[in-house]
């Protein structure tokens, strides 16, 4: 029997990126249906989140994500541009956000086609893997193509059906919170949340208890 789980995920989350390639590998190795459900990052849902946090929060997070990337041997670089426009000195989030709404709606449009995991994997490799100007040229189009999708089609839907996509994205966030967490990446299996890139093995252990088998 094929098992299924939801993954709640954000384009701005470096930990989401660090987890995604392992999620893809799990879906290939095991008889497992993983549904990636994108959400808007905290910078959109709680714009003052960064200003309220301890001053050491950002420094520690940056230290941690790069050492995790080194440990996992995953390419990582500061995104250029950042999916969220933010003054890192003051931590203030800009009113105008030209990237994150498009990206998240594209991710949800891919989810409608059952290909959000593949799409978000490819796009996050651009954003966090060191591709400068990932939003320019044909970078995103080629990423979509590798995921079996057409960027023009996704962009058209993201523009013409933005309200419905945002409703679905909001429902993803509600489902995440209903499962008992609020952050990303979170894998939810059988109602149980496994938050963080360091809880993947624990999630697999739980799924094995429920009959997860290799393909």
Protein backbone atom coordinates (compact mmCIF):
# COMPACT_ATOMS: atom_id res chain seq x y z
CA UNK A 1 0.00 0.00 0.00
CA UNK A 2 1.34 3.40 -0.99
CA UNK A 3 1.69 5.72 2.00
CA UNK A 4 1.21 9.46 1.72
CA UNK A 5 2.45 12.51 3.58
CA UNK A 6 2.24 16.28 3.23
CA UNK A 7 5.24 18.60 3.17
CA UNK A 8 4.72 22.22 4.17
CA UNK A 9 7.41 24.32 2.59
CA UNK A 10 8.55 27.86 1.74
CA UNK A 11 10.73 29.30 -1.02
CA UNK A 12 12.38 31.69 1.48
CA UNK A 13 13.27 28.96 3.98
CA UNK A 14 16.88 27.75 3.68
CA UNK A 15 15.97 24.73 5.78
CA UNK A 16 13.23 23.87 3.29
CA UNK A 17 15.87 23.88 0.57
CA UNK A 18 18.20 21.73 2.66
CA UNK A 19 15.44 19.16 3.13
CA UNK A 20 13.99 19.04 -0.36
CA UNK A 21 16.55 16.89 -2.14
CA UNK A 22 16.14 14.28 0.60
CA UNK A 23 12.36 14.41 0.23
CA UNK A 24 12.80 13.75 -3.49
CA UNK A 25 15.14 10.84 -2.74
CA UNK A 26 12.60 9.37 -0.30
CA UNK A 27 9.85 9.45 -2.91
CA UNK A 28 12.13 7.61 -5.32
CA UNK A 29 13.31 5.00 -2.82
CA UNK A 30 10.04 4.24 -1.07
CA UNK A 31 6.46 3.54 -2.11
CA UNK A 32 5.52 6.97 -0.86
CA UNK A 33 3.41 9.81 -2.23
CA UNK A 34 4.74 13.15 -0.98
CA UNK A 35 2.54 16.19 -1.56
CA UNK A 36 4.43 19.46 -1.22
CA UNK A 37 2.09 22.25 -0.08
CA UNK A 38 3.72 25.69 -0.32
CA UNK A 39 3.03 28.41 2.22
CA UNK A 40 4.02 32.05 2.42
CA UNK A 41 7.09 32.62 4.63
CA UNK A 42 6.99 34.25 8.04
CA UNK A 43 8.18 37.49 6.47
CA UNK A 44 4.78 37.72 4.75
CA UNK A 45 2.61 36.18 7.47
CA UNK A 46 4.37 37.99 10.35
CA UNK A 47 6.35 40.97 8.96
CA UNK A 48 7.66 41.93 12.41
CA UNK A 49 8.90 38.41 13.19
CA UNK A 50 12.55 39.25 12.49
CA UNK A 51 12.44 42.52 14.43
CA UNK A 52 11.05 40.75 17.51
CA UNK A 53 13.62 37.95 17.54
CA UNK A 54 16.77 37.87 19.66
CA UNK A 55 19.65 39.79 18.01
CA UNK A 56 21.65 36.56 17.75
CA UNK A 57 18.90 34.73 15.86
CA UNK A 58 19.96 35.76 12.37
CA UNK A 59 23.69 35.24 12.97
CA UNK A 60 23.14 31.78 14.38
CA UNK A 61 20.76 30.80 11.60
CA UNK A 62 23.25 31.83 8.92
CA UNK A 63 26.02 29.90 10.67
CA UNK A 64 23.84 26.85 10.99
CA UNK A 65 22.49 26.65 7.45
CA UNK A 66 25.94 26.80 5.90
CA UNK A 67 27.39 24.13 8.16
CA UNK A 68 24.36 21.89 7.54
CA UNK A 69 24.90 22.40 3.80
CA UNK A 70 28.57 21.47 4.18
CA UNK A 71 27.69 18.43 6.26
CA UNK A 72 25.13 17.24 3.70
CA UNK A 73 27.36 18.26 0.77
CA UNK A 74 24.61 20.43 -0.71
CA UNK A 75 25.63 23.58 -2.63
CA UNK A 76 24.50 26.71 -0.83
CA UNK A 77 24.94 30.45 -1.26
CA UNK A 78 23.03 33.55 -0.16
CA UNK A 79 20.16 34.01 -2.63
CA UNK A 80 20.66 36.69 -5.26
CA UNK A 81 18.10 38.17 -5.17
CA UNK A 82 16.52 37.14 -1.90
CA UNK A 83 12.93 35.93 -2.46
CA UNK A 84 11.97 38.44 0.25
CA UNK A 85 13.07 42.05 -0.11
CA UNK A 86 14.36 42.94 3.36
CA UNK A 87 16.79 45.37 4.93
CA UNK A 88 19.04 42.92 6.75
CA UNK A 89 20.56 45.68 8.89
CA UNK A 90 17.20 46.71 10.37
CA UNK A 91 15.43 43.41 9.55
CA UNK A 92 12.53 45.45 8.17
CA UNK A 93 10.46 43.80 5.42
CA UNK A 94 9.80 45.98 2.38
CA UNK A 95 6.23 46.80 1.40
CA UNK A 96 6.88 45.84 -2.21
CA UNK A 97 7.62 42.13 -2.73
CA UNK A 98 8.18 41.36 -6.43
CA UNK A 99 9.29 37.73 -6.03
CA UNK A 100 7.66 35.74 -3.25
CA UNK A 101 4.03 36.02 -4.37
CA UNK A 102 4.86 34.87 -7.88
CA UNK A 103 7.04 32.02 -6.63
CA UNK A 104 4.53 30.71 -4.11
CA UNK A 105 1.64 30.90 -6.57
CA UNK A 106 3.76 29.06 -9.13
CA UNK A 107 4.44 26.41 -6.51
CA UNK A 108 0.73 26.03 -5.79
CA UNK A 109 -0.07 25.89 -9.50
CA UNK A 110 2.48 23.07 -9.73
CA UNK A 111 0.76 21.40 -6.77
CA UNK A 112 -2.50 21.42 -8.72
CA UNK A 113 -0.68 19.30 -11.29
CA UNK A 114 0.83 16.96 -8.73
CA UNK A 115 4.35 18.20 -9.44
CA UNK A 116 5.07 20.68 -6.65
CA UNK A 117 7.86 18.61 -5.10
CA UNK A 118 9.75 18.39 -8.39
CA UNK A 119 9.13 22.06 -9.23
CA UNK A 120 10.11 23.41 -5.82
CA UNK A 121 13.19 21.19 -5.77
CA UNK A 122 14.39 22.58 -9.09
CA UNK A 123 13.60 26.21 -8.26
CA UNK A 124 15.09 26.09 -4.77
CA UNK A 125 18.33 24.76 -6.27
CA UNK A 126 18.49 27.98 -8.28
CA UNK A 127 17.61 30.30 -5.42
CA UNK A 128 19.80 28.75 -2.74
CA UNK A 129 22.35 26.87 -4.83
CA UNK A 130 24.28 29.87 -6.09
CA UNK A 131 22.53 30.96 -9.30
CA UNK A 132 22.78 34.75 -9.42
CA UNK A 133 19.82 36.37 -11.14
CA UNK A 134 17.72 33.21 -10.82
CA UNK A 135 14.64 35.28 -11.70
CA UNK A 136 16.11 36.43 -15.02
CA UNK A 137 16.62 34.83 -18.43
CA UNK A 138 15.39 31.28 -18.80
CA UNK A 139 16.48 29.97 -15.38
CA UNK A 140 12.95 29.44 -14.08
CA UNK A 141 11.68 28.19 -17.43
CA UNK A 142 14.35 25.53 -17.56
CA UNK A 143 13.70 24.58 -13.93
CA UNK A 144 10.01 24.16 -14.71
CA UNK A 145 10.87 22.10 -17.78
CA UNK A 146 13.06 19.77 -15.72
CA UNK A 147 10.07 19.29 -13.43
CA UNK A 148 7.86 18.41 -16.40
CA UNK A 149 6.04 21.74 -16.42
CA UNK A 150 5.66 24.80 -18.64
CA UNK A 151 6.54 28.11 -16.95
CA UNK A 152 4.40 30.21 -19.28
CA UNK A 153 1.37 28.10 -18.41
CA UNK A 154 2.12 28.35 -14.69
CA UNK A 155 2.70 32.11 -14.86
CA UNK A 156 -0.54 32.64 -16.76
CA UNK A 157 -2.43 30.73 -14.08
CA UNK A 158 -0.59 32.54 -11.27
CA UNK A 159 -1.73 35.83 -12.74
CA UNK A 160 -5.29 35.02 -13.78
CA UNK A 161 -6.17 32.84 -10.78
CA UNK A 162 -4.14 34.55 -8.05
CA UNK A 163 -7.03 34.82 -5.59
CA UNK A 164 -7.90 31.13 -5.78
CA UNK A 165 -4.25 30.15 -5.50
CA UNK A 166 -3.84 32.38 -2.44
CA UNK A 167 -6.90 30.74 -0.90
CA UNK A 168 -5.30 27.32 -1.42
CA UNK A 169 -2.00 28.58 0.02
CA UNK A 170 -3.88 29.88 3.06
CA UNK A 171 -5.54 26.48 3.40
CA UNK A 172 -2.07 24.90 3.35
CA UNK A 173 -1.05 27.12 6.25
CA UNK A 174 -4.22 26.24 8.15
CA UNK A 175 -3.56 22.55 7.57
CA UNK A 176 -0.01 22.94 8.87
CA UNK A 177 -1.25 24.65 12.01
CA UNK A 178 -4.03 22.09 12.36
CA UNK A 179 -1.39 19.35 12.35
CA UNK A 180 0.31 20.97 15.32
CA UNK A 181 3.06 23.20 13.92
CA UNK A 182 3.57 26.54 12.20
CA UNK A 183 7.05 26.44 10.66
CA UNK A 184 8.67 24.94 7.61
CA UNK A 185 9.76 22.50 6.46
CA UNK A 186 7.27 20.24 8.20
CA UNK A 187 6.39 16.75 7.01
CA UNK A 188 3.01 15.56 8.28
CA UNK A 189 2.29 11.85 8.26
CA UNK A 190 -0.94 10.44 9.62
CA UNK A 191 -1.58 13.70 11.48
CA UNK A 192 1.85 13.75 13.15
CA UNK A 193 4.17 16.69 12.34
CA UNK A 194 7.92 16.32 11.85
CA UNK A 195 9.37 19.82 11.80
CA UNK A 196 12.78 20.60 10.39
CA UNK A 197 15.35 19.17 8.00
CA UNK A 198 16.78 17.20 10.94
CA UNK A 199 13.58 15.20 11.52
CA UNK A 200 13.41 13.42 8.16
CA UNK A 201 14.96 10.21 9.45
CA UNK A 202 12.53 10.24 12.37
CA UNK A 203 9.61 10.60 9.95
CA UNK A 204 10.89 7.65 7.91
CA UNK A 205 11.17 5.58 11.10
CA UNK A 206 7.53 6.35 11.89
CA UNK A 207 6.39 5.53 8.36
CA UNK A 208 8.29 2.23 8.43
CA UNK A 209 6.27 1.34 11.51
CA UNK A 210 3.15 1.91 9.39
CA UNK A 211 4.27 -0.38 6.58
CA UNK A 212 6.42 1.83 4.38
CA UNK A 213 8.25 -0.32 1.85
CA UNK A 214 10.87 0.31 -0.80
CA UNK A 215 9.86 0.50 -4.44
